[in-house]
Structure formats: structure tokens, C-alpha cells
C-alpha atoms as a PDB file:
ATOM      1  CA  UNK A   1     130.530 142.128  54.567  1.00  0.00           C
ATOM      2  CA  UNK A   2     131.432 139.204  56.773  1.00  0.00           C
ATOM      3  CA  UNK A   3     132.928 135.886  55.803  1.00  0.00           C
ATOM      4  CA  UNK A   4     132.834 132.999  58.260  1.00  0.00           C
ATOM      5  CA  UNK A   5     135.569 130.388  58.126  1.00  0.00           C
ATOM      6  CA  UNK A   6     134.903 127.214  60.094  1.00  0.00           C
ATOM      7  CA  UNK A   7     137.289 124.547  61.297  1.00  0.00           C
ATOM      8  CA  UNK A   8     137.006 121.380  63.306  1.00  0.00           C
ATOM      9  CA  UNK A   9     134.502 118.590  63.004  1.00  0.00           C
ATOM     10  CA  UNK A  10     135.144 115.317  61.238  1.00  0.00           C
ATOM     11  CA  UNK A  11     134.798 111.774  62.545  1.00  0.00           C
ATOM     12  CA  UNK A  12     134.418 111.426  66.299  1.00  0.00           C
ATOM     13  CA  UNK A  13     133.494 108.635  68.668  1.00  0.00           C
ATOM     14  CA  UNK A  14     130.360 108.532  70.797  1.00  0.00           C
ATOM     15  CA  UNK A  15     131.227 109.748  74.249  1.00  0.00           C
ATOM     16  CA  UNK A  16     134.089 111.798  72.905  1.00  0.00           C
ATOM     17  CA  UNK A  17     134.488 115.528  72.463  1.00  0.00           C
ATOM     18  CA  UNK A  18     134.870 117.933  69.616  1.00  0.00           C
ATOM     19  CA  UNK A  19     135.829 121.541  69.205  1.00  0.00           C
ATOM     20  CA  UNK A  20     134.517 123.672  66.388  1.00  0.00           C
ATOM     21  CA  UNK A  21     135.960 127.077  65.626  1.00  0.00           C
ATOM     22  CA  UNK A  22     134.810 129.900  63.419  1.00  0.00           C
ATOM     23  CA  UNK A  23     136.553 133.106  62.471  1.00  0.00           C
ATOM     24  CA  UNK A  24     134.723 136.100  61.086  1.00  0.00           C
ATOM     25  CA  UNK A  25     136.683 138.108  58.561  1.00  0.00           C
ATOM     26  CA  UNK A  26     135.837 141.142  56.497  1.00  0.00           C
ATOM     27  CA  UNK A  27     135.310 144.834  56.902  1.00  0.00           C
ATOM     28  CA  UNK A  28     132.334 144.659  59.245  1.00  0.00           C
ATOM     29  CA  UNK A  29     133.470 144.604  62.864  1.00  0.00           C
ATOM     30  CA  UNK A  30     130.066 145.190  64.442  1.00  0.00           C
ATOM     31  CA  UNK A  31     129.230 141.571  65.050  1.00  0.00           C
ATOM     32  CA  UNK A  32     126.887 141.334  67.999  1.00  0.00           C
ATOM     33  CA  UNK A  33     125.972 137.690  67.997  1.00  0.00           C
ATOM     34  CA  UNK A  34     127.890 134.606  66.961  1.00  0.00           C
ATOM     35  CA  UNK A  35     126.960 131.010  67.313  1.00  0.00           C
ATOM     36  CA  UNK A  36     126.404 127.558  65.922  1.00  0.00           C
ATOM     37  CA  UNK A  37     123.477 125.794  64.335  1.00  0.00           C
ATOM     38  CA  UNK A  38     123.273 122.252  63.070  1.00  0.00           C
ATOM     39  CA  UNK A  39     121.294 120.328  60.517  1.00  0.00           C
ATOM     40  CA  UNK A  40     120.928 116.571  60.380  1.00  0.00           C
ATOM     41  CA  UNK A  41     119.814 114.836  57.170  1.00  0.00           C
ATOM     42  CA  UNK A  42     116.126 115.363  56.525  1.00  0.00           C
ATOM     43  CA  UNK A  43     115.752 117.766  59.430  1.00  0.00           C
ATOM     44  CA  UNK A  44     115.606 121.513  59.848  1.00  0.00           C
ATOM     45  CA  UNK A  45     118.538 123.640  60.914  1.00  0.00           C
ATOM     46  CA  UNK A  46     118.455 124.037  64.676  1.00  0.00           C
ATOM     47  CA  UNK A  47     120.164 126.304  67.155  1.00  0.00           C
ATOM     48  CA  UNK A  48     123.011 124.777  69.149  1.00  0.00           C
ATOM     49  CA  UNK A  49     124.433 127.761  70.981  1.00  0.00           C
ATOM     50  CA  UNK A  50     125.015 131.491  70.678  1.00  0.00           C
ATOM     51  CA  UNK A  51     127.097 134.108  72.438  1.00  0.00           C
ATOM     52  CA  UNK A  52     126.862 137.885  72.339  1.00  0.00           C
ATOM     53  CA  UNK A  53     129.774 140.283  72.267  1.00  0.00           C
ATOM     54  CA  UNK A  54     129.112 140.844  75.973  1.00  0.00           C
ATOM     55  CA  UNK A  55     129.516 137.137  76.691  1.00  0.00           C
ATOM     56  CA  UNK A  56     125.873 136.245  77.209  1.00  0.00           C
ATOM     57  CA  UNK A  57     125.368 132.642  76.175  1.00  0.00           C
ATOM     58  CA  UNK A  58     122.425 130.546  75.100  1.00  0.00           C
ATOM     59  CA  UNK A  59     122.276 126.780  74.662  1.00  0.00           C
ATOM     60  CA  UNK A  60     119.768 124.405  73.158  1.00  0.00           C
ATOM     61  CA  UNK A  61     118.284 122.013  75.688  1.00  0.00           C
ATOM     62  CA  UNK A  62     119.783 119.112  73.771  1.00  0.00           C
ATOM     63  CA  UNK A  63     123.335 120.266  74.516  1.00  0.00           C
ATOM     64  CA  UNK A  64     122.991 121.963  77.912  1.00  0.00           C
ATOM     65  CA  UNK A  65     125.573 120.617  80.295  1.00  0.00           C
ATOM     66  CA  UNK A  66     127.634 119.212  77.422  1.00  0.00           C
ATOM     67  CA  UNK A  67     128.449 122.315  75.407  1.00  0.00           C
ATOM     68  CA  UNK A  68     130.641 125.318  76.075  1.00  0.00           C
ATOM     69  CA  UNK A  69     130.716 128.271  73.734  1.00  0.00           C
ATOM     70  CA  UNK A  70     133.380 130.926  73.913  1.00  0.00           C
ATOM     71  CA  UNK A  71     134.266 133.979  71.938  1.00  0.00           C
ATOM     72  CA  UNK A  72     137.185 136.251  71.355  1.00  0.00           C
ATOM     73  CA  UNK A  73     135.462 139.577  70.918  1.00  0.00           C
ATOM     74  CA  UNK A  74     138.330 141.466  69.375  1.00  0.00           C
ATOM     75  CA  UNK A  75     139.200 138.682  66.974  1.00  0.00           C
ATOM     76  CA  UNK A  76     135.580 137.803  66.284  1.00  0.00           C
ATOM     77  CA  UNK A  77     136.175 134.126  66.651  1.00  0.00           C
ATOM     78  CA  UNK A  78     133.806 131.702  68.285  1.00  0.00           C
ATOM     79  CA  UNK A  79     134.493 128.190  69.488  1.00  0.00           C
ATOM     80  CA  UNK A  80     132.167 125.443  70.564  1.00  0.00           C
ATOM     81  CA  UNK A  81     133.249 122.483  72.645  1.00  0.00           C
ATOM     82  CA  UNK A  82     130.769 119.622  72.761  1.00  0.00           C
ATOM     83  CA  UNK A  83     131.417 116.771  75.199  1.00  0.00           C
ATOM     84  CA  UNK A  84     129.906 113.347  75.732  1.00  0.00           C
ATOM     85  CA  UNK A  85     128.910 113.151  72.096  1.00  0.00           C
ATOM     86  CA  UNK A  86     125.741 111.275  71.251  1.00  0.00           C
ATOM     87  CA  UNK A  87     124.588 109.802  67.939  1.00  0.00           C
ATOM     88  CA  UNK A  88     122.070 112.612  67.624  1.00  0.00           C
ATOM     89  CA  UNK A  89     124.904 115.131  67.583  1.00  0.00           C
ATOM     90  CA  UNK A  90     125.873 113.986  64.088  1.00  0.00           C
ATOM     91  CA  UNK A  91     125.036 116.800  61.682  1.00  0.00           C
ATOM     92  CA  UNK A  92     126.434 119.578  59.570  1.00  0.00           C
ATOM     93  CA  UNK A  93     127.349 122.415  61.903  1.00  0.00           C
ATOM     94  CA  UNK A  94     127.035 125.977  60.644  1.00  0.00           C
ATOM     95  CA  UNK A  95     128.648 129.069  62.092  1.00  0.00           C
ATOM     96  CA  UNK A  96     126.347 132.063  62.320  1.00  0.00           C
ATOM     97  CA  UNK A  97     126.931 135.754  62.910  1.00  0.00           C
ATOM     98  CA  UNK A  98     124.699 138.798  63.152  1.00  0.00           C
ATOM     99  CA  UNK A  99     125.980 142.286  62.491  1.00  0.00           C
ATOM    100  CA  UNK A 100     124.397 145.319  64.084  1.00  0.00           C
ATOM    101  CA  UNK A 101     126.008 147.506  61.416  1.00  0.00           C
ATOM    102  CA  UNK A 102     124.549 145.801  58.388  1.00  0.00           C
ATOM    103  CA  UNK A 103     121.665 144.168  60.273  1.00  0.00           C
ATOM    104  CA  UNK A 104     122.436 141.053  58.324  1.00  0.00           C
ATOM    105  CA  UNK A 105     122.886 137.451  59.314  1.00  0.00           C
ATOM    106  CA  UNK A 106     125.806 135.538  57.880  1.00  0.00           C
ATOM    107  CA  UNK A 107     126.403 131.809  57.586  1.00  0.00           C
ATOM    108  CA  UNK A 108     129.461 129.668  57.184  1.00  0.00           C
ATOM    109  CA  UNK A 109     129.577 126.859  54.657  1.00  0.00           C
ATOM    110  CA  UNK A 110     129.173 124.184  57.299  1.00  0.00           C
ATOM    111  CA  UNK A 111     131.390 121.493  58.723  1.00  0.00           C
ATOM    112  CA  UNK A 112     130.359 117.851  58.966  1.00  0.00           C
ATOM    113  CA  UNK A 113     130.399 116.027  62.279  1.00  0.00           C
ATOM    114  CA  UNK A 114     130.073 112.263  61.995  1.00  0.00           C
ATOM    115  CA  UNK A 115     129.886 109.845  64.889  1.00  0.00           C
ATOM    116  CA  UNK A 116     131.304 106.388  64.544  1.00  0.00           C
ATOM    117  CA  UNK A 117     132.737 103.866  66.931  1.00  0.00           C
END
């Protein structure tokens, strides 16, 4: 089993930056993929970025050039820095992890990111 604990988010200004962090805890240490998704009101949950345990990254087109994902493999933590925030970045951000041991996908509870000047 894996539990994902998220931190970061909150109220940020357009043009500013945010850092989201997520720590995976539990007895399953075979987490291959970690990442972030987001869901705006009335919209589907979309990929933001992922990173494998080998450091291979993937970014949605909407955040390329503005986002940096990083991961501490041993600690199974993942962080996402998002710069030059735009109104469309406002959403609930969910941490995601996939375990090769259990072949299950896990989700965090979500953290709200709100943009306001």
C-alpha cells in the first residue's frame, strides 16, 4: 500500500511561482512513476508532469518551459515547480504514483491552487 501526502499550493499571483511536493509512504517501495495531475472545475483531470525512478520526465504542452519536476528516488518524494503562473493553472493538483509491485495507481487527496492578484 502507498499513501501520498501532498503539500504546497494555496493562493498565488499570476506570473508567480509555486512548488508542490508529495511524499509516498507505506510498505510498497517499488514506485516506478510519480507525477502530478490537475483538475479545474467542470473539467477532466489532466496530466501535468510525470517522472520515472530513472529520472525520465514528461510534461504537458500547457506547462512545457514553465514546469520542473524532480524526484528523490530513495525517499519517494516528488516536487513540481511551476513558474510564470497563468489563470488557467488554477486547479486542484493531485499527486499520482504507480507501483510495479502492486501494479496499482495511487492518488493523493489533492491540493488547491488558486490564482488571484
